[in-house]
Amino acid sequence: MTIERKHVGQRMSQAVIHNGTVYLAGQVGETNASVTKQTQDILQKIEKLLAEAGSDKTKILQAVIWLDDMTHFAEMNAVWDAWVPEGHAPARACGEATLASPELQVEIIVTAAV
């Protein structure tokens, strides 16, 4: 059994690859930015991490999205919907949560096939 970890820190790895699947840590964007900008930043980070793992956004299996306030749902979805390739929408959940810092409004976690 091989487990490959990328961008390993003391607390977590940004990506873990096992058995043809890549698991990404929750990604956040630039603090004190708009929901649109934070979502764009996050999706760029996700694309980069997936590429490092030998995957891409067409292979995302599941996404979990946390918003600090569900009033941001439409603004985040406008960015998300433009980013997800047609015909490749993953299973997805979106909920409201208190995020690690009050300056953060969006956090996205994805799991993808390699």
PDB file of N, CA and C in Angstrom:
ATOM      1  N   MET A   1       0.845  -1.175   0.000  1.00  0.00           N
ATOM      2  CA  MET A   1       0.000   0.000   0.000  1.00  0.00           C
ATOM      3  C   MET A   1       0.891   1.239   0.000  1.00  0.00           C
ATOM      4  N   THR A   2       0.738   2.071  -1.019  1.00  0.00           N
ATOM      5  CA  THR A   2       1.527   3.283  -1.137  1.00  0.00           C
ATOM      6  C   THR A   2       0.652   4.492  -0.843  1.00  0.00           C
ATOM      7  N   ILE A   3       1.149   5.366   0.012  1.00  0.00           N
ATOM      8  CA  ILE A   3       0.490   6.636   0.302  1.00  0.00           C
ATOM      9  C   ILE A   3       1.503   7.726   0.016  1.00  0.00           C
ATOM     10  N   GLU A   4       1.142   8.646  -0.877  1.00  0.00           N
ATOM     11  CA  GLU A   4       2.020   9.760  -1.221  1.00  0.00           C
ATOM     12  C   GLU A   4       1.412  11.046  -0.667  1.00  0.00           C
ATOM     13  N   ARG A   5       2.216  11.811   0.037  1.00  0.00           N
ATOM     14  CA  ARG A   5       1.761  13.063   0.634  1.00  0.00           C
ATOM     15  C   ARG A   5       2.510  14.226  -0.011  1.00  0.00           C
ATOM     16  N   LYS A   6       1.784  15.301  -0.305  1.00  0.00           N
ATOM     17  CA  LYS A   6       2.384  16.483  -0.929  1.00  0.00           C
ATOM     18  C   LYS A   6       2.160  17.697  -0.041  1.00  0.00           C
ATOM     19  N   HIS A   7       3.182  18.544  -0.002  1.00  0.00           N
ATOM     20  CA  HIS A   7       3.128  19.765   0.807  1.00  0.00           C
ATOM     21  C   HIS A   7       2.768  19.417   2.250  1.00  0.00           C
ATOM     22  N   VAL A   8       3.647  18.614   2.833  1.00  0.00           N
ATOM     23  CA  VAL A   8       3.431  18.084   4.186  1.00  0.00           C
ATOM     24  C   VAL A   8       3.845  19.116   5.225  1.00  0.00           C
ATOM     25  N   GLY A   9       2.973  19.350   6.162  1.00  0.00           N
ATOM     26  CA  GLY A   9       3.264  20.208   7.299  1.00  0.00           C
ATOM     27  C   GLY A   9       3.118  19.406   8.574  1.00  0.00           C
ATOM     28  N   GLN A  10       3.312  20.043   9.689  1.00  0.00           N
ATOM     29  CA  GLN A  10       3.183  19.358  10.972  1.00  0.00           C
ATOM     30  C   GLN A  10       1.746  18.912  11.220  1.00  0.00           C
ATOM     31  N   ARG A  11       0.781  19.752  10.822  1.00  0.00           N
ATOM     32  CA  ARG A  11      -0.616  19.485  11.105  1.00  0.00           C
ATOM     33  C   ARG A  11      -1.326  18.703  10.001  1.00  0.00           C
ATOM     34  N   MET A  12      -0.926  18.954   8.754  1.00  0.00           N
ATOM     35  CA  MET A  12      -1.648  18.322   7.640  1.00  0.00           C
ATOM     36  C   MET A  12      -0.820  18.352   6.375  1.00  0.00           C
ATOM     37  N   SER A  13      -1.252  17.551   5.415  1.00  0.00           N
ATOM     38  CA  SER A  13      -0.710  17.569   4.058  1.00  0.00           C
ATOM     39  C   SER A  13      -1.743  18.256   3.179  1.00  0.00           C
ATOM     40  N   GLN A  14      -1.293  18.986   2.184  1.00  0.00           N
ATOM     41  CA  GLN A  14      -2.236  19.640   1.279  1.00  0.00           C
ATOM     42  C   GLN A  14      -2.893  18.639   0.333  1.00  0.00           C
ATOM     43  N   ALA A  15      -2.197  17.532   0.037  1.00  0.00           N
ATOM     44  CA  ALA A  15      -2.758  16.493  -0.827  1.00  0.00           C
ATOM     45  C   ALA A  15      -2.216  15.136  -0.378  1.00  0.00           C
ATOM     46  N   VAL A  16      -3.089  14.149  -0.401  1.00  0.00           N
ATOM     47  CA  VAL A  16      -2.700  12.771  -0.097  1.00  0.00           C
ATOM     48  C   VAL A  16      -3.239  11.903  -1.226  1.00  0.00           C
ATOM     49  N   ILE A  17      -2.346  11.105  -1.813  1.00  0.00           N
ATOM     50  CA  ILE A  17      -2.725  10.234  -2.931  1.00  0.00           C
ATOM     51  C   ILE A  17      -2.627   8.792  -2.474  1.00  0.00           C
ATOM     52  N   HIS A  18      -3.708   8.054  -2.695  1.00  0.00           N
ATOM     53  CA  HIS A  18      -3.749   6.645  -2.310  1.00  0.00           C
ATOM     54  C   HIS A  18      -4.724   5.906  -3.220  1.00  0.00           C
ATOM     55  N   ASN A  19      -4.276   4.784  -3.732  1.00  0.00           N
ATOM     56  CA  ASN A  19      -5.148   3.888  -4.487  1.00  0.00           C
ATOM     57  C   ASN A  19      -5.916   4.601  -5.609  1.00  0.00           C
ATOM     58  N   GLY A  20      -5.218   5.467  -6.358  1.00  0.00           N
ATOM     59  CA  GLY A  20      -5.839   6.128  -7.510  1.00  0.00           C
ATOM     60  C   GLY A  20      -6.751   7.283  -7.165  1.00  0.00           C
ATOM     61  N   THR A  21      -6.700   7.747  -5.921  1.00  0.00           N
ATOM     62  CA  THR A  21      -7.549   8.851  -5.488  1.00  0.00           C
ATOM     63  C   THR A  21      -6.681   9.900  -4.810  1.00  0.00           C
ATOM     64  N   VAL A  22      -6.972  11.166  -5.074  1.00  0.00           N
ATOM     65  CA  VAL A  22      -6.273  12.257  -4.394  1.00  0.00           C
ATOM     66  C   VAL A  22      -7.275  12.989  -3.507  1.00  0.00           C
ATOM     67  N   TYR A  23      -6.863  13.192  -2.278  1.00  0.00           N
ATOM     68  CA  TYR A  23      -7.666  13.873  -1.264  1.00  0.00           C
ATOM     69  C   TYR A  23      -6.982  15.203  -0.965  1.00  0.00           C
ATOM     70  N   LEU A  24      -7.683  16.308  -1.172  1.00  0.00           N
ATOM     71  CA  LEU A  24      -7.102  17.609  -0.888  1.00  0.00           C
ATOM     72  C   LEU A  24      -7.585  18.123   0.458  1.00  0.00           C
ATOM     73  N   ALA A  25      -6.697  18.821   1.153  1.00  0.00           N
ATOM     74  CA  ALA A  25      -7.084  19.521   2.373  1.00  0.00           C
ATOM     75  C   ALA A  25      -8.012  20.663   1.989  1.00  0.00           C
ATOM     76  N   GLY A  26      -8.718  21.196   2.953  1.00  0.00           N
ATOM     77  CA  GLY A  26      -9.558  22.353   2.695  1.00  0.00           C
ATOM     78  C   GLY A  26      -8.713  23.514   2.201  1.00  0.00           C
ATOM     79  N   GLN A  27      -9.130  24.114   1.096  1.00  0.00           N
ATOM     80  CA  GLN A  27      -8.394  25.222   0.492  1.00  0.00           C
ATOM     81  C   GLN A  27      -9.139  26.524   0.763  1.00  0.00           C
ATOM     82  N   VAL A  28      -8.383  27.559   1.087  1.00  0.00           N
ATOM     83  CA  VAL A  28      -8.954  28.875   1.328  1.00  0.00           C
ATOM     84  C   VAL A  28      -8.249  29.889   0.442  1.00  0.00           C
ATOM     85  N   GLY A  29      -8.882  31.034   0.263  1.00  0.00           N
ATOM     86  CA  GLY A  29      -8.325  32.074  -0.591  1.00  0.00           C
ATOM     87  C   GLY A  29      -7.709  33.204   0.203  1.00  0.00           C
ATOM     88  N   GLU A  30      -7.447  34.275  -0.496  1.00  0.00           N
ATOM     89  CA  GLU A  30      -6.860  35.470   0.104  1.00  0.00           C
ATOM     90  C   GLU A  30      -7.804  36.032   1.156  1.00  0.00           C
ATOM     91  N   THR A  31      -7.274  36.309   2.342  1.00  0.00           N
ATOM     92  CA  THR A  31      -8.112  36.856   3.411  1.00  0.00           C
ATOM     93  C   THR A  31      -8.539  38.279   3.070  1.00  0.00           C
ATOM     94  N   ASN A  32      -9.669  38.662   3.617  1.00  0.00           N
ATOM     95  CA  ASN A  32     -10.242  40.006   3.431  1.00  0.00           C
ATOM     96  C   ASN A  32     -10.564  40.326   1.982  1.00  0.00           C
ATOM     97  N   ALA A  33     -10.717  39.309   1.148  1.00  0.00           N
ATOM     98  CA  ALA A  33     -11.124  39.513  -0.242  1.00  0.00           C
ATOM     99  C   ALA A  33     -12.610  39.176  -0.366  1.00  0.00           C
ATOM    100  N   SER A  34     -13.185  39.531  -1.486  1.00  0.00           N
ATOM    101  CA  SER A  34     -14.597  39.211  -1.724  1.00  0.00           C
ATOM    102  C   SER A  34     -14.790  37.702  -1.847  1.00  0.00           C
ATOM    103  N   VAL A  35     -16.016  37.273  -1.736  1.00  0.00           N
ATOM    104  CA  VAL A  35     -16.334  35.853  -1.926  1.00  0.00           C
ATOM    105  C   VAL A  35     -15.918  35.417  -3.327  1.00  0.00           C
ATOM    106  N   THR A  36     -16.143  36.245  -4.318  1.00  0.00           N
ATOM    107  CA  THR A  36     -15.741  35.929  -5.689  1.00  0.00           C
ATOM    108  C   THR A  36     -14.241  35.708  -5.766  1.00  0.00           C
ATOM    109  N   LYS A  37     -13.452  36.631  -5.229  1.00  0.00           N
ATOM    110  CA  LYS A  37     -11.996  36.521  -5.279  1.00  0.00           C
ATOM    111  C   LYS A  37     -11.502  35.323  -4.481  1.00  0.00           C
ATOM    112  N   GLN A  38     -12.062  35.094  -3.290  1.00  0.00           N
ATOM    113  CA  GLN A  38     -11.642  33.940  -2.504  1.00  0.00           C
ATOM    114  C   GLN A  38     -11.941  32.643  -3.246  1.00  0.00           C
ATOM    115  N   THR A  39     -13.106  32.557  -3.867  1.00  0.00           N
ATOM    116  CA  THR A  39     -13.461  31.345  -4.607  1.00  0.00           C
ATOM    117  C   THR A  39     -12.525  31.149  -5.793  1.00  0.00           C
ATOM    118  N   GLN A  40     -12.216  32.209  -6.516  1.00  0.00           N
ATOM    119  CA  GLN A  40     -11.284  32.109  -7.642  1.00  0.00           C
ATOM    120  C   GLN A  40      -9.915  31.634  -7.171  1.00  0.00           C
ATOM    121  N   ASP A  41      -9.423  32.206  -6.074  1.00  0.00           N
ATOM    122  CA  ASP A  41      -8.122  31.792  -5.519  1.00  0.00           C
ATOM    123  C   ASP A  41      -8.130  30.308  -5.170  1.00  0.00           C
ATOM    124  N   ILE A  42      -9.186  29.883  -4.510  1.00  0.00           N
ATOM    125  CA  ILE A  42      -9.300  28.483  -4.080  1.00  0.00           C
ATOM    126  C   ILE A  42      -9.283  27.554  -5.286  1.00  0.00           C
ATOM    127  N   LEU A  43     -10.051  27.874  -6.291  1.00  0.00           N
ATOM    128  CA  LEU A  43     -10.139  26.996  -7.463  1.00  0.00           C
ATOM    129  C   LEU A  43      -8.803  26.923  -8.202  1.00  0.00           C
ATOM    130  N   GLN A  44      -8.040  28.018  -8.216  1.00  0.00           N
ATOM    131  CA  GLN A  44      -6.697  27.980  -8.803  1.00  0.00           C
ATOM    132  C   GLN A  44      -5.784  27.058  -7.996  1.00  0.00           C
ATOM    133  N   LYS A  45      -5.869  27.133  -6.678  1.00  0.00           N
ATOM    134  CA  LYS A  45      -5.066  26.246  -5.823  1.00  0.00           C
ATOM    135  C   LYS A  45      -5.443  24.789  -6.059  1.00  0.00           C
ATOM    136  N   ILE A  46      -6.736  24.523  -6.166  1.00  0.00           N
ATOM    137  CA  ILE A  46      -7.203  23.159  -6.405  1.00  0.00           C
ATOM    138  C   ILE A  46      -6.656  22.646  -7.729  1.00  0.00           C
ATOM    139  N   GLU A  47      -6.739  23.450  -8.776  1.00  0.00           N
ATOM    140  CA  GLU A  47      -6.209  23.020 -10.081  1.00  0.00           C
ATOM    141  C   GLU A  47      -4.728  22.683  -9.988  1.00  0.00           C
ATOM    142  N   LYS A  48      -3.955  23.520  -9.298  1.00  0.00           N
ATOM    143  CA  LYS A  48      -2.512  23.293  -9.163  1.00  0.00           C
ATOM    144  C   LYS A  48      -2.237  21.999  -8.397  1.00  0.00           C
ATOM    145  N   LEU A  49      -2.915  21.791  -7.276  1.00  0.00           N
ATOM    146  CA  LEU A  49      -2.704  20.576  -6.487  1.00  0.00           C
ATOM    147  C   LEU A  49      -3.121  19.326  -7.258  1.00  0.00           C
ATOM    148  N   LEU A  50      -4.234  19.408  -7.976  1.00  0.00           N
ATOM    149  CA  LEU A  50      -4.672  18.259  -8.773  1.00  0.00           C
ATOM    150  C   LEU A  50      -3.640  17.940  -9.852  1.00  0.00           C
ATOM    151  N   ALA A  51      -3.107  18.959 -10.510  1.00  0.00           N
ATOM    152  CA  ALA A  51      -2.094  18.740 -11.550  1.00  0.00           C
ATOM    153  C   ALA A  51      -0.859  18.069 -10.960  1.00  0.00           C
ATOM    154  N   GLU A  52      -0.428  18.503  -9.785  1.00  0.00           N
ATOM    155  CA  GLU A  52       0.725  17.888  -9.123  1.00  0.00           C
ATOM    156  C   GLU A  52       0.478  16.416  -8.815  1.00  0.00           C
ATOM    157  N   ALA A  53      -0.787  16.073  -8.604  1.00  0.00           N
ATOM    158  CA  ALA A  53      -1.148  14.693  -8.276  1.00  0.00           C
ATOM    159  C   ALA A  53      -1.431  13.853  -9.527  1.00  0.00           C
ATOM    160  N   GLY A  54      -1.367  14.485 -10.708  1.00  0.00           N
ATOM    161  CA  GLY A  54      -1.659  13.761 -11.948  1.00  0.00           C
ATOM    162  C   GLY A  54      -3.140  13.697 -12.257  1.00  0.00           C
ATOM    163  N   SER A  55      -3.891  14.667 -11.780  1.00  0.00           N
ATOM    164  CA  SER A  55      -5.337  14.709 -11.979  1.00  0.00           C
ATOM    165  C   SER A  55      -5.716  16.079 -12.534  1.00  0.00           C
ATOM    166  N   ASP A  56      -7.008  16.318 -12.678  1.00  0.00           N
ATOM    167  CA  ASP A  56      -7.502  17.628 -13.100  1.00  0.00           C
ATOM    168  C   ASP A  56      -8.968  17.761 -12.690  1.00  0.00           C
ATOM    169  N   LYS A  57      -9.533  18.931 -12.951  1.00  0.00           N
ATOM    170  CA  LYS A  57     -10.890  19.207 -12.470  1.00  0.00           C
ATOM    171  C   LYS A  57     -11.968  18.348 -13.130  1.00  0.00           C
ATOM    172  N   THR A  58     -11.673  17.709 -14.249  1.00  0.00           N
ATOM    173  CA  THR A  58     -12.670  16.811 -14.857  1.00  0.00           C
ATOM    174  C   THR A  58     -12.780  15.497 -14.085  1.00  0.00           C
ATOM    175  N   LYS A  59     -11.832  15.256 -13.169  1.00  0.00           N
ATOM    176  CA  LYS A  59     -11.811  13.995 -12.414  1.00  0.00           C
ATOM    177  C   LYS A  59     -12.235  14.164 -10.959  1.00  0.00           C
ATOM    178  N   ILE A  60     -12.759  15.346 -10.618  1.00  0.00           N
ATOM    179  CA  ILE A  60     -13.219  15.556  -9.245  1.00  0.00           C
ATOM    180  C   ILE A  60     -14.440  14.686  -8.986  1.00  0.00           C
ATOM    181  N   LEU A  61     -14.371  13.917  -7.922  1.00  0.00           N
ATOM    182  CA  LEU A  61     -15.457  13.018  -7.535  1.00  0.00           C
ATOM    183  C   LEU A  61     -16.436  13.697  -6.587  1.00  0.00           C
ATOM    184  N   GLN A  62     -15.880  14.466  -5.648  1.00  0.00           N
ATOM    185  CA  GLN A  62     -16.718  15.087  -4.630  1.00  0.00           C
ATOM    186  C   GLN A  62     -16.119  16.420  -4.204  1.00  0.00           C
ATOM    187  N   ALA A  63     -16.985  17.378  -3.928  1.00  0.00           N
ATOM    188  CA  ALA A  63     -16.562  18.664  -3.380  1.00  0.00           C
ATOM    189  C   ALA A  63     -17.429  18.987  -2.180  1.00  0.00           C
ATOM    190  N   VAL A  64     -16.792  19.477  -1.133  1.00  0.00           N
ATOM    191  CA  VAL A  64     -17.492  19.957   0.046  1.00  0.00           C
ATOM    192  C   VAL A  64     -17.119  21.429   0.185  1.00  0.00           C
ATOM    193  N   ILE A  65     -18.121  22.283   0.205  1.00  0.00           N
ATOM    194  CA  ILE A  65     -17.900  23.723   0.258  1.00  0.00           C
ATOM    195  C   ILE A  65     -18.485  24.265   1.550  1.00  0.00           C
ATOM    196  N   TRP A  66     -17.665  25.032   2.259  1.00  0.00           N
ATOM    197  CA  TRP A  66     -18.105  25.706   3.474  1.00  0.00           C
ATOM    198  C   TRP A  66     -18.118  27.198   3.227  1.00  0.00           C
ATOM    199  N   LEU A  67     -19.221  27.833   3.569  1.00  0.00           N
ATOM    200  CA  LEU A  67     -19.347  29.291   3.511  1.00  0.00           C
ATOM    201  C   LEU A  67     -19.533  29.812   4.924  1.00  0.00           C
ATOM    202  N   ASP A  68     -18.994  30.989   5.199  1.00  0.00           N
ATOM    203  CA  ASP A  68     -19.191  31.559   6.528  1.00  0.00           C
ATOM    204  C   ASP A  68     -20.615  32.056   6.711  1.00  0.00           C
ATOM    205  N   ASP A  69     -21.312  32.253   5.585  1.00  0.00           N
ATOM    206  CA  ASP A  69     -22.694  32.735   5.622  1.00  0.00           C
ATOM    207  C   ASP A  69     -23.369  32.296   4.321  1.00  0.00           C
ATOM    208  N   MET A  70     -24.488  31.629   4.426  1.00  0.00           N
ATOM    209  CA  MET A  70     -25.162  31.110   3.223  1.00  0.00           C
ATOM    210  C   MET A  70     -25.688  32.215   2.312  1.00  0.00           C
ATOM    211  N   THR A  71     -25.664  33.458   2.772  1.00  0.00           N
ATOM    212  CA  THR A  71     -26.044  34.552   1.869  1.00  0.00           C
ATOM    213  C   THR A  71     -25.037  34.698   0.731  1.00  0.00           C
ATOM    214  N   HIS A  72     -23.866  34.075   0.854  1.00  0.00           N
ATOM    215  CA  HIS A  72     -22.836  34.115  -0.197  1.00  0.00           C
ATOM    216  C   HIS A  72     -22.993  32.991  -1.228  1.00  0.00           C
ATOM    217  N   PHE A  73     -24.014  32.169  -1.073  1.00  0.00           N
ATOM    218  CA  PHE A  73     -24.207  30.986  -1.919  1.00  0.00           C
ATOM    219  C   PHE A  73     -24.225  31.340  -3.412  1.00  0.00           C
ATOM    220  N   ALA A  74     -25.018  32.312  -3.811  1.00  0.00           N
ATOM    221  CA  ALA A  74     -25.131  32.665  -5.236  1.00  0.00           C
ATOM    222  C   ALA A  74     -23.819  33.228  -5.779  1.00  0.00           C
ATOM    223  N   GLU A  75     -23.134  34.056  -4.995  1.00  0.00           N
ATOM    224  CA  GLU A  75     -21.869  34.646  -5.451  1.00  0.00           C
ATOM    225  C   GLU A  75     -20.800  33.569  -5.657  1.00  0.00           C
ATOM    226  N   MET A  76     -20.709  32.632  -4.707  1.00  0.00           N
ATOM    227  CA  MET A  76     -19.749  31.534  -4.843  1.00  0.00           C
ATOM    228  C   MET A  76     -20.124  30.655  -6.029  1.00  0.00           C
ATOM    229  N   ASN A  77     -21.414  30.343  -6.167  1.00  0.00           N
ATOM    230  CA  ASN A  77     -21.864  29.479  -7.264  1.00  0.00           C
ATOM    231  C   ASN A  77     -21.590  30.085  -8.637  1.00  0.00           C
ATOM    232  N   ALA A  78     -21.633  31.396  -8.762  1.00  0.00           N
ATOM    233  CA  ALA A  78     -21.351  32.034 -10.062  1.00  0.00           C
ATOM    234  C   ALA A  78     -19.926  31.686 -10.514  1.00  0.00           C
ATOM    235  N   VAL A  79     -18.985  31.697  -9.576  1.00  0.00           N
ATOM    236  CA  VAL A  79     -17.595  31.350  -9.903  1.00  0.00           C
ATOM    237  C   VAL A  79     -17.480  29.847 -10.130  1.00  0.00           C
ATOM    238  N   TRP A  80     -18.055  29.069  -9.235  1.00  0.00           N
ATOM    239  CA  TRP A  80     -18.002  27.598  -9.319  1.00  0.00           C
ATOM    240  C   TRP A  80     -18.580  27.114 -10.646  1.00  0.00           C
ATOM    241  N   ASP A  81     -19.771  27.599 -10.992  1.00  0.00           N
ATOM    242  CA  ASP A  81     -20.453  27.127 -12.203  1.00  0.00           C
ATOM    243  C   ASP A  81     -19.655  27.431 -13.466  1.00  0.00           C
ATOM    244  N   ALA A  82     -18.968  28.569 -13.497  1.00  0.00           N
ATOM    245  CA  ALA A  82     -18.141  28.916 -14.656  1.00  0.00           C
ATOM    246  C   ALA A  82     -16.878  28.061 -14.722  1.00  0.00           C
ATOM    247  N   TRP A  83     -16.444  27.531 -13.590  1.00  0.00           N
ATOM    248  CA  TRP A  83     -15.196  26.762 -13.499  1.00  0.00           C
ATOM    249  C   TRP A  83     -15.372  25.284 -13.801  1.00  0.00           C
ATOM    250  N   VAL A  84     -16.486  24.695 -13.387  1.00  0.00           N
ATOM    251  CA  VAL A  84     -16.697  23.249 -13.561  1.00  0.00           C
ATOM    252  C   VAL A  84     -16.972  22.952 -15.033  1.00  0.00           C
ATOM    253  N   PRO A  85     -16.188  22.056 -15.635  1.00  0.00           N
ATOM    254  CA  PRO A  85     -16.413  21.720 -17.044  1.00  0.00           C
ATOM    255  C   PRO A  85     -17.783  21.049 -17.240  1.00  0.00           C
ATOM    256  N   GLU A  86     -18.462  21.435 -18.291  1.00  0.00           N
ATOM    257  CA  GLU A  86     -19.783  20.860 -18.583  1.00  0.00           C
ATOM    258  C   GLU A  86     -19.688  19.342 -18.663  1.00  0.00           C
ATOM    259  N   GLY A  87     -20.609  18.683 -17.990  1.00  0.00           N
ATOM    260  CA  GLY A  87     -20.646  17.230 -17.987  1.00  0.00           C
ATOM    261  C   GLY A  87     -19.739  16.588 -16.945  1.00  0.00           C
ATOM    262  N   HIS A  88     -19.047  17.404 -16.141  1.00  0.00           N
ATOM    263  CA  HIS A  88     -18.105  16.867 -15.148  1.00  0.00           C
ATOM    264  C   HIS A  88     -18.397  17.371 -13.735  1.00  0.00           C
ATOM    265  N   ALA A  89     -19.636  17.739 -13.468  1.00  0.00           N
ATOM    266  CA  ALA A  89     -19.986  18.222 -12.127  1.00  0.00           C
ATOM    267  C   ALA A  89     -19.844  17.076 -11.122  1.00  0.00           C
ATOM    268  N   PRO A  90     -19.115  17.317 -10.028  1.00  0.00           N
ATOM    269  CA  PRO A  90     -18.938  16.262  -9.020  1.00  0.00           C
ATOM    270  C   PRO A  90     -20.140  16.191  -8.076  1.00  0.00           C
ATOM    271  N   ALA A  91     -20.171  15.163  -7.267  1.00  0.00           N
ATOM    272  CA  ALA A  91     -21.097  15.159  -6.138  1.00  0.00           C
ATOM    273  C   ALA A  91     -20.657  16.319  -5.262  1.00  0.00           C
ATOM    274  N   ARG A  92     -21.611  17.061  -4.690  1.00  0.00           N
ATOM    275  CA  ARG A  92     -21.232  18.276  -3.975  1.00  0.00           C
ATOM    276  C   ARG A  92     -22.164  18.543  -2.806  1.00  0.00           C
ATOM    277  N   ALA A  93     -21.597  19.088  -1.740  1.00  0.00           N
ATOM    278  CA  ALA A  93     -22.369  19.574  -0.606  1.00  0.00           C
ATOM    279  C   ALA A  93     -21.881  20.976  -0.287  1.00  0.00           C
ATOM    280  N   CYS A  94     -22.762  21.822   0.209  1.00  0.00           N
ATOM    281  CA  CYS A  94     -22.392  23.175   0.596  1.00  0.00           C
ATOM    282  C   CYS A  94     -23.136  23.508   1.880  1.00  0.00           C
ATOM    283  N   GLY A  95     -22.400  23.991   2.866  1.00  0.00           N
ATOM    284  CA  GLY A  95     -23.021  24.341   4.127  1.00  0.00           C
ATOM    285  C   GLY A  95     -22.380  25.569   4.736  1.00  0.00           C
ATOM    286  N   GLU A  96     -22.962  26.002   5.838  1.00  0.00           N
ATOM    287  CA  GLU A  96     -22.459  27.166   6.557  1.00  0.00           C
ATOM    288  C   GLU A  96     -21.677  26.709   7.769  1.00  0.00           C
ATOM    289  N   ALA A  97     -20.531  27.364   8.005  1.00  0.00           N
ATOM    290  CA  ALA A  97     -19.684  27.001   9.139  1.00  0.00           C
ATOM    291  C   ALA A  97     -18.858  28.203   9.567  1.00  0.00           C
ATOM    292  N   THR A  98     -18.436  28.193  10.802  1.00  0.00           N
ATOM    293  CA  THR A  98     -17.465  29.166  11.274  1.00  0.00           C
ATOM    294  C   THR A  98     -16.108  28.681  10.787  1.00  0.00           C
ATOM    295  N   LEU A  99     -15.447  29.482   9.970  1.00  0.00           N
ATOM    296  CA  LEU A  99     -14.168  29.084   9.396  1.00  0.00           C
ATOM    297  C   LEU A  99     -13.026  29.466  10.339  1.00  0.00           C
ATOM    298  N   ALA A 100     -11.823  29.032  10.016  1.00  0.00           N
ATOM    299  CA  ALA A 100     -10.671  29.173  10.912  1.00  0.00           C
ATOM    300  C   ALA A 100     -10.323  30.626  11.236  1.00  0.00           C
ATOM    301  N   SER A 101     -10.669  31.532  10.359  1.00  0.00           N
ATOM    302  CA  SER A 101     -10.367  32.947  10.558  1.00  0.00           C
ATOM    303  C   SER A 101     -11.577  33.766  10.116  1.00  0.00           C
ATOM    304  N   PRO A 102     -11.900  34.839  10.821  1.00  0.00           N
ATOM    305  CA  PRO A 102     -13.067  35.640  10.430  1.00  0.00           C
ATOM    306  C   PRO A 102     -12.924  36.316   9.069  1.00  0.00           C
ATOM    307  N   GLU A 103     -11.692  36.401   8.539  1.00  0.00           N
ATOM    308  CA  GLU A 103     -11.468  37.013   7.228  1.00  0.00           C
ATOM    309  C   GLU A 103     -11.755  36.045   6.086  1.00  0.00           C
ATOM    310  N   LEU A 104     -11.966  34.775   6.419  1.00  0.00           N
ATOM    311  CA  LEU A 104     -12.257  33.761   5.401  1.00  0.00           C
ATOM    312  C   LEU A 104     -13.764  33.596   5.252  1.00  0.00           C
ATOM    313  N   GLN A 105     -14.189  33.496   4.007  1.00  0.00           N
ATOM    314  CA  GLN A 105     -15.614  33.339   3.731  1.00  0.00           C
ATOM    315  C   GLN A 105     -15.939  32.035   3.017  1.00  0.00           C
ATOM    316  N   VAL A 106     -14.926  31.403   2.427  1.00  0.00           N
ATOM    317  CA  VAL A 106     -15.135  30.190   1.631  1.00  0.00           C
ATOM    318  C   VAL A 106     -13.995  29.201   1.918  1.00  0.00           C
ATOM    319  N   GLU A 107     -14.339  27.924   2.028  1.00  0.00           N
ATOM    320  CA  GLU A 107     -13.348  26.852   2.080  1.00  0.00           C
ATOM    321  C   GLU A 107     -13.893  25.705   1.243  1.00  0.00           C
ATOM    322  N   ILE A 108     -13.031  25.116   0.418  1.00  0.00           N
ATOM    323  CA  ILE A 108     -13.469  24.032  -0.473  1.00  0.00           C
ATOM    324  C   ILE A 108     -12.523  22.854  -0.305  1.00  0.00           C
ATOM    325  N   ILE A 109     -13.117  21.662  -0.175  1.00  0.00           N
ATOM    326  CA  ILE A 109     -12.406  20.400  -0.038  1.00  0.00           C
ATOM    327  C   ILE A 109     -12.812  19.523  -1.220  1.00  0.00           C
ATOM    328  N   VAL A 110     -11.849  18.938  -1.922  1.00  0.00           N
ATOM    329  CA  VAL A 110     -12.195  18.037  -3.017  1.00  0.00           C
ATOM    330  C   VAL A 110     -11.466  16.713  -2.916  1.00  0.00           C
ATOM    331  N   THR A 111     -12.105  15.709  -3.491  1.00  0.00           N
ATOM    332  CA  THR A 111     -11.540  14.384  -3.678  1.00  0.00           C
ATOM    333  C   THR A 111     -11.660  14.088  -5.171  1.00  0.00           C
ATOM    334  N   ALA A 112     -10.578  13.583  -5.758  1.00  0.00           N
ATOM    335  CA  ALA A 112     -10.587  13.343  -7.209  1.00  0.00           C
ATOM    336  C   ALA A 112      -9.893  12.041  -7.564  1.00  0.00           C
ATOM    337  N   ALA A 113     -10.245  11.498  -8.700  1.00  0.00           N
ATOM    338  CA  ALA A 113      -9.549  10.341  -9.250  1.00  0.00           C
ATOM    339  C   ALA A 113      -8.240  10.814  -9.876  1.00  0.00           C
ATOM    340  N   VAL A 114      -7.238   9.955  -9.854  1.00  0.00           N
ATOM    341  CA  VAL A 114      -5.954  10.283 -10.480  1.00  0.00           C
ATOM    342  C   VAL A 114      -5.930   9.689 -11.871  1.00  0.00           C
TER     343      VAL A 114
END
